[in-house]
Amino acid sequence: MAAFSCEEVILDLQKQGVILGKKGKADVAEESRFAYKNIKEVMDNQQDLVVPVKRLKTIGVVKG
């Protein structure tokens, strides 16, 4: 996984309309949308296993 700066991740989340609620900034990079697999690609690869009924959109991230 590539390293993402705290500022890059926070700005990207804001541009996506996602609210990040967290006190410390040490692990903010884990919340980068680029740290995860592309969900469309993952679901396309499982068409024989699942029938999607809803698509959810991230609106907030809260970590304690």
PDB file of N, CA and C in Angstrom:
ATOM      1  N   MET A   1       0.846  -1.182   0.000  1.00  0.00           N
ATOM      2  CA  MET A   1       0.000   0.000   0.000  1.00  0.00           C
ATOM      3  C   MET A   1       0.887   1.240   0.000  1.00  0.00           C
ATOM      4  N   ALA A   2       0.560   2.170  -0.823  1.00  0.00           N
ATOM      5  CA  ALA A   2       1.291   3.430  -0.868  1.00  0.00           C
ATOM      6  C   ALA A   2       0.985   4.245   0.385  1.00  0.00           C
ATOM      7  N   ALA A   3       1.918   5.086   0.751  1.00  0.00           N
ATOM      8  CA  ALA A   3       1.715   5.932   1.931  1.00  0.00           C
ATOM      9  C   ALA A   3       0.941   7.188   1.533  1.00  0.00           C
ATOM     10  N   PHE A   4      -0.028   7.533   2.338  1.00  0.00           N
ATOM     11  CA  PHE A   4      -0.831   8.732   2.128  1.00  0.00           C
ATOM     12  C   PHE A   4      -0.625   9.641   3.320  1.00  0.00           C
ATOM     13  N   SER A   5      -0.401  10.914   3.060  1.00  0.00           N
ATOM     14  CA  SER A   5      -0.232  11.838   4.183  1.00  0.00           C
ATOM     15  C   SER A   5      -1.591  12.116   4.813  1.00  0.00           C
ATOM     16  N   CYS A   6      -1.548  12.470   6.062  1.00  0.00           N
ATOM     17  CA  CYS A   6      -2.760  12.801   6.808  1.00  0.00           C
ATOM     18  C   CYS A   6      -3.539  13.900   6.092  1.00  0.00           C
ATOM     19  N   GLU A   7      -2.829  14.934   5.656  1.00  0.00           N
ATOM     20  CA  GLU A   7      -3.481  16.065   4.999  1.00  0.00           C
ATOM     21  C   GLU A   7      -4.144  15.648   3.684  1.00  0.00           C
ATOM     22  N   GLU A   8      -3.451  14.795   2.894  1.00  0.00           N
ATOM     23  CA  GLU A   8      -4.011  14.312   1.622  1.00  0.00           C
ATOM     24  C   GLU A   8      -5.318  13.559   1.846  1.00  0.00           C
ATOM     25  N   VAL A   9      -5.312  12.687   2.835  1.00  0.00           N
ATOM     26  CA  VAL A   9      -6.494  11.872   3.117  1.00  0.00           C
ATOM     27  C   VAL A   9      -7.643  12.751   3.585  1.00  0.00           C
ATOM     28  N   ILE A  10      -7.382  13.663   4.494  1.00  0.00           N
ATOM     29  CA  ILE A  10      -8.431  14.534   5.016  1.00  0.00           C
ATOM     30  C   ILE A  10      -9.031  15.384   3.897  1.00  0.00           C
ATOM     31  N   LEU A  11      -8.182  15.962   3.051  1.00  0.00           N
ATOM     32  CA  LEU A  11      -8.676  16.772   1.928  1.00  0.00           C
ATOM     33  C   LEU A  11      -9.495  15.934   0.949  1.00  0.00           C
ATOM     34  N   ASP A  12      -9.023  14.716   0.652  1.00  0.00           N
ATOM     35  CA  ASP A  12      -9.747  13.849  -0.269  1.00  0.00           C
ATOM     36  C   ASP A  12     -11.114  13.473   0.310  1.00  0.00           C
ATOM     37  N   LEU A  13     -11.154  13.129   1.593  1.00  0.00           N
ATOM     38  CA  LEU A  13     -12.431  12.788   2.228  1.00  0.00           C
ATOM     39  C   LEU A  13     -13.388  13.976   2.178  1.00  0.00           C
ATOM     40  N   GLN A  14     -12.873  15.170   2.444  1.00  0.00           N
ATOM     41  CA  GLN A  14     -13.717  16.367   2.397  1.00  0.00           C
ATOM     42  C   GLN A  14     -14.279  16.583   0.992  1.00  0.00           C
ATOM     43  N   LYS A  15     -13.444  16.392  -0.029  1.00  0.00           N
ATOM     44  CA  LYS A  15     -13.898  16.545  -1.414  1.00  0.00           C
ATOM     45  C   LYS A  15     -14.990  15.544  -1.761  1.00  0.00           C
ATOM     46  N   GLN A  16     -14.950  14.370  -1.118  1.00  0.00           N
ATOM     47  CA  GLN A  16     -15.951  13.327  -1.354  1.00  0.00           C
ATOM     48  C   GLN A  16     -17.201  13.543  -0.500  1.00  0.00           C
ATOM     49  N   GLY A  17     -17.163  14.556   0.364  1.00  0.00           N
ATOM     50  CA  GLY A  17     -18.298  14.826   1.237  1.00  0.00           C
ATOM     51  C   GLY A  17     -18.358  13.907   2.444  1.00  0.00           C
ATOM     52  N   VAL A  18     -17.225  13.299   2.789  1.00  0.00           N
ATOM     53  CA  VAL A  18     -17.153  12.362   3.918  1.00  0.00           C
ATOM     54  C   VAL A  18     -16.602  13.090   5.133  1.00  0.00           C
ATOM     55  N   ILE A  19     -17.271  12.914   6.258  1.00  0.00           N
ATOM     56  CA  ILE A  19     -16.844  13.529   7.515  1.00  0.00           C
ATOM     57  C   ILE A  19     -15.987  12.533   8.277  1.00  0.00           C
ATOM     58  N   LEU A  20     -14.808  12.966   8.705  1.00  0.00           N
ATOM     59  CA  LEU A  20     -13.901  12.124   9.477  1.00  0.00           C
ATOM     60  C   LEU A  20     -13.941  12.580  10.924  1.00  0.00           C
ATOM     61  N   GLY A  21     -14.374  11.686  11.799  1.00  0.00           N
ATOM     62  CA  GLY A  21     -14.437  12.004  13.220  1.00  0.00           C
ATOM     63  C   GLY A  21     -13.431  11.165  13.972  1.00  0.00           C
ATOM     64  N   LYS A  22     -12.348  11.788  14.378  1.00  0.00           N
ATOM     65  CA  LYS A  22     -11.314  11.066  15.105  1.00  0.00           C
ATOM     66  C   LYS A  22     -10.419  12.058  15.810  1.00  0.00           C
ATOM     67  N   LYS A  23      -9.913  11.660  16.967  1.00  0.00           N
ATOM     68  CA  LYS A  23      -9.071  12.556  17.755  1.00  0.00           C
ATOM     69  C   LYS A  23      -7.637  12.565  17.263  1.00  0.00           C
ATOM     70  N   GLY A  24      -7.007  11.391  17.183  1.00  0.00           N
ATOM     71  CA  GLY A  24      -5.611  11.309  16.759  1.00  0.00           C
ATOM     72  C   GLY A  24      -5.493  11.241  15.250  1.00  0.00           C
ATOM     73  N   LYS A  25      -4.333  11.565  14.748  1.00  0.00           N
ATOM     74  CA  LYS A  25      -4.131  11.556  13.306  1.00  0.00           C
ATOM     75  C   LYS A  25      -3.132  10.484  12.873  1.00  0.00           C
ATOM     76  N   ALA A  26      -2.656   9.670  13.802  1.00  0.00           N
ATOM     77  CA  ALA A  26      -1.604   8.697  13.505  1.00  0.00           C
ATOM     78  C   ALA A  26      -1.998   7.692  12.434  1.00  0.00           C
ATOM     79  N   ASP A  27      -3.261   7.274  12.402  1.00  0.00           N
ATOM     80  CA  ASP A  27      -3.668   6.238  11.449  1.00  0.00           C
ATOM     81  C   ASP A  27      -4.720   6.723  10.448  1.00  0.00           C
ATOM     82  N   VAL A  28      -4.736   8.008  10.168  1.00  0.00           N
ATOM     83  CA  VAL A  28      -5.690   8.579   9.208  1.00  0.00           C
ATOM     84  C   VAL A  28      -5.519   7.950   7.822  1.00  0.00           C
ATOM     85  N   ALA A  29      -4.292   7.596   7.453  1.00  0.00           N
ATOM     86  CA  ALA A  29      -4.031   7.031   6.122  1.00  0.00           C
ATOM     87  C   ALA A  29      -4.858   5.777   5.871  1.00  0.00           C
ATOM     88  N   GLU A  30      -5.222   5.045   6.931  1.00  0.00           N
ATOM     89  CA  GLU A  30      -6.041   3.843   6.791  1.00  0.00           C
ATOM     90  C   GLU A  30      -7.425   4.162   6.231  1.00  0.00           C
ATOM     91  N   GLU A  31      -7.851   5.396   6.332  1.00  0.00           N
ATOM     92  CA  GLU A  31      -9.182   5.779   5.868  1.00  0.00           C
ATOM     93  C   GLU A  31      -9.178   6.278   4.422  1.00  0.00           C
ATOM     94  N   SER A  32      -8.037   6.265   3.775  1.00  0.00           N
ATOM     95  CA  SER A  32      -7.978   6.676   2.375  1.00  0.00           C
ATOM     96  C   SER A  32      -8.790   5.713   1.519  1.00  0.00           C
ATOM     97  N   ARG A  33      -9.576   6.259   0.601  1.00  0.00           N
ATOM     98  CA  ARG A  33     -10.357   5.384  -0.281  1.00  0.00           C
ATOM     99  C   ARG A  33      -9.441   4.591  -1.196  1.00  0.00           C
ATOM    100  N   PHE A  34      -8.203   5.016  -1.340  1.00  0.00           N
ATOM    101  CA  PHE A  34      -7.245   4.302  -2.179  1.00  0.00           C
ATOM    102  C   PHE A  34      -6.591   3.135  -1.445  1.00  0.00           C
ATOM    103  N   ALA A  35      -6.887   2.980  -0.155  1.00  0.00           N
ATOM    104  CA  ALA A  35      -6.346   1.877   0.628  1.00  0.00           C
ATOM    105  C   ALA A  35      -7.210   0.628   0.496  1.00  0.00           C
ATOM    106  N   TYR A  36      -8.318   0.737  -0.216  1.00  0.00           N
ATOM    107  CA  TYR A  36      -9.252  -0.372  -0.361  1.00  0.00           C
ATOM    108  C   TYR A  36      -9.381  -0.785  -1.820  1.00  0.00           C
ATOM    109  N   LYS A  37      -9.815  -2.013  -2.042  1.00  0.00           N
ATOM    110  CA  LYS A  37     -10.060  -2.483  -3.403  1.00  0.00           C
ATOM    111  C   LYS A  37     -11.268  -1.757  -3.984  1.00  0.00           C
ATOM    112  N   ASN A  38     -11.310  -1.662  -5.306  1.00  0.00           N
ATOM    113  CA  ASN A  38     -12.434  -1.060  -6.001  1.00  0.00           C
ATOM    114  C   ASN A  38     -13.657  -1.965  -5.821  1.00  0.00           C
ATOM    115  N   ILE A  39     -14.702  -1.463  -5.165  1.00  0.00           N
ATOM    116  CA  ILE A  39     -15.862  -2.293  -4.835  1.00  0.00           C
ATOM    117  C   ILE A  39     -16.597  -2.777  -6.077  1.00  0.00           C
ATOM    118  N   LYS A  40     -16.634  -1.966  -7.116  1.00  0.00           N
ATOM    119  CA  LYS A  40     -17.299  -2.394  -8.352  1.00  0.00           C
ATOM    120  C   LYS A  40     -16.578  -3.598  -8.949  1.00  0.00           C
ATOM    121  N   GLU A  41     -15.263  -3.539  -8.961  1.00  0.00           N
ATOM    122  CA  GLU A  41     -14.468  -4.655  -9.486  1.00  0.00           C
ATOM    123  C   GLU A  41     -14.662  -5.906  -8.638  1.00  0.00           C
ATOM    124  N   VAL A  42     -14.659  -5.750  -7.323  1.00  0.00           N
ATOM    125  CA  VAL A  42     -14.861  -6.888  -6.419  1.00  0.00           C
ATOM    126  C   VAL A  42     -16.216  -7.531  -6.665  1.00  0.00           C
ATOM    127  N   MET A  43     -17.266  -6.719  -6.763  1.00  0.00           N
ATOM    128  CA  MET A  43     -18.611  -7.264  -6.965  1.00  0.00           C
ATOM    129  C   MET A  43     -18.770  -7.874  -8.354  1.00  0.00           C
ATOM    130  N   ASP A  44     -18.141  -7.271  -9.359  1.00  0.00           N
ATOM    131  CA  ASP A  44     -18.188  -7.840 -10.711  1.00  0.00           C
ATOM    132  C   ASP A  44     -17.571  -9.234 -10.741  1.00  0.00           C
ATOM    133  N   ASN A  45     -16.537  -9.448  -9.935  1.00  0.00           N
ATOM    134  CA  ASN A  45     -15.875 -10.757  -9.875  1.00  0.00           C
ATOM    135  C   ASN A  45     -16.682 -11.798  -9.102  1.00  0.00           C
ATOM    136  N   GLN A  46     -17.766 -11.373  -8.443  1.00  0.00           N
ATOM    137  CA  GLN A  46     -18.578 -12.298  -7.641  1.00  0.00           C
ATOM    138  C   GLN A  46     -19.996 -12.438  -8.166  1.00  0.00           C
ATOM    139  N   GLN A  47     -20.224 -12.082  -9.412  1.00  0.00           N
ATOM    140  CA  GLN A  47     -21.582 -12.093  -9.955  1.00  0.00           C
ATOM    141  C   GLN A  47     -22.272 -13.441  -9.816  1.00  0.00           C
ATOM    142  N   ASP A  48     -21.515 -14.528  -9.842  1.00  0.00           N
ATOM    143  CA  ASP A  48     -22.116 -15.857  -9.715  1.00  0.00           C
ATOM    144  C   ASP A  48     -22.426 -16.220  -8.266  1.00  0.00           C
ATOM    145  N   LEU A  49     -21.994 -15.384  -7.326  1.00  0.00           N
ATOM    146  CA  LEU A  49     -22.191 -15.684  -5.902  1.00  0.00           C
ATOM    147  C   LEU A  49     -23.214 -14.798  -5.207  1.00  0.00           C
ATOM    148  N   VAL A  50     -23.419 -13.591  -5.724  1.00  0.00           N
ATOM    149  CA  VAL A  50     -24.254 -12.628  -5.020  1.00  0.00           C
ATOM    150  C   VAL A  50     -25.198 -11.897  -5.963  1.00  0.00           C
ATOM    151  N   VAL A  51     -26.262 -11.348  -5.374  1.00  0.00           N
ATOM    152  CA  VAL A  51     -27.180 -10.483  -6.104  1.00  0.00           C
ATOM    153  C   VAL A  51     -27.259  -9.178  -5.314  1.00  0.00           C
ATOM    154  N   PRO A  52     -26.523  -8.154  -5.740  1.00  0.00           N
ATOM    155  CA  PRO A  52     -26.558  -6.881  -5.010  1.00  0.00           C
ATOM    156  C   PRO A  52     -27.964  -6.279  -5.027  1.00  0.00           C
ATOM    157  N   VAL A  53     -28.384  -5.738  -3.890  1.00  0.00           N
ATOM    158  CA  VAL A  53     -29.701  -5.110  -3.810  1.00  0.00           C
ATOM    159  C   VAL A  53     -29.606  -3.620  -3.487  1.00  0.00           C
ATOM    160  N   LYS A  54     -28.495  -3.185  -2.918  1.00  0.00           N
ATOM    161  CA  LYS A  54     -28.291  -1.775  -2.568  1.00  0.00           C
ATOM    162  C   LYS A  54     -26.825  -1.420  -2.740  1.00  0.00           C
ATOM    163  N   ARG A  55     -26.577  -0.163  -3.056  1.00  0.00           N
ATOM    164  CA  ARG A  55     -25.215   0.361  -3.071  1.00  0.00           C
ATOM    165  C   ARG A  55     -25.162   1.455  -2.019  1.00  0.00           C
ATOM    166  N   LEU A  56     -24.224   1.330  -1.093  1.00  0.00           N
ATOM    167  CA  LEU A  56     -24.089   2.293  -0.020  1.00  0.00           C
ATOM    168  C   LEU A  56     -22.987   3.290  -0.337  1.00  0.00           C
ATOM    169  N   LYS A  57     -23.122   4.489   0.196  1.00  0.00           N
ATOM    170  CA  LYS A  57     -22.115   5.529   0.020  1.00  0.00           C
ATOM    171  C   LYS A  57     -21.627   5.958   1.392  1.00  0.00           C
ATOM    172  N   THR A  58     -20.320   6.055   1.542  1.00  0.00           N
ATOM    173  CA  THR A  58     -19.746   6.489   2.811  1.00  0.00           C
ATOM    174  C   THR A  58     -20.066   7.964   3.038  1.00  0.00           C
ATOM    175  N   ILE A  59     -20.602   8.263   4.215  1.00  0.00           N
ATOM    176  CA  ILE A  59     -20.882   9.658   4.544  1.00  0.00           C
ATOM    177  C   ILE A  59     -20.083  10.109   5.764  1.00  0.00           C
ATOM    178  N   GLY A  60     -19.523   9.145   6.489  1.00  0.00           N
ATOM    179  CA  GLY A  60     -18.745   9.497   7.659  1.00  0.00           C
ATOM    180  C   GLY A  60     -17.882   8.351   8.124  1.00  0.00           C
ATOM    181  N   VAL A  61     -16.793   8.679   8.798  1.00  0.00           N
ATOM    182  CA  VAL A  61     -15.890   7.703   9.385  1.00  0.00           C
ATOM    183  C   VAL A  61     -15.641   8.141  10.820  1.00  0.00           C
ATOM    184  N   VAL A  62     -15.941   7.239  11.767  1.00  0.00           N
ATOM    185  CA  VAL A  62     -15.716   7.541  13.180  1.00  0.00           C
ATOM    186  C   VAL A  62     -14.839   6.437  13.749  1.00  0.00           C
ATOM    187  N   LYS A  63     -13.721   6.832  14.333  1.00  0.00           N
ATOM    188  CA  LYS A  63     -12.833   5.866  14.965  1.00  0.00           C
ATOM    189  C   LYS A  63     -12.555   6.329  16.384  1.00  0.00           C
ATOM    190  N   GLY A  64     -12.537   5.372  17.266  1.00  0.00           N
ATOM    191  CA  GLY A  64     -12.291   5.705  18.666  1.00  0.00           C
ATOM    192  C   GLY A  64     -10.880   5.477  19.087  1.00  0.00           C
TER     193      GLY A  64
END
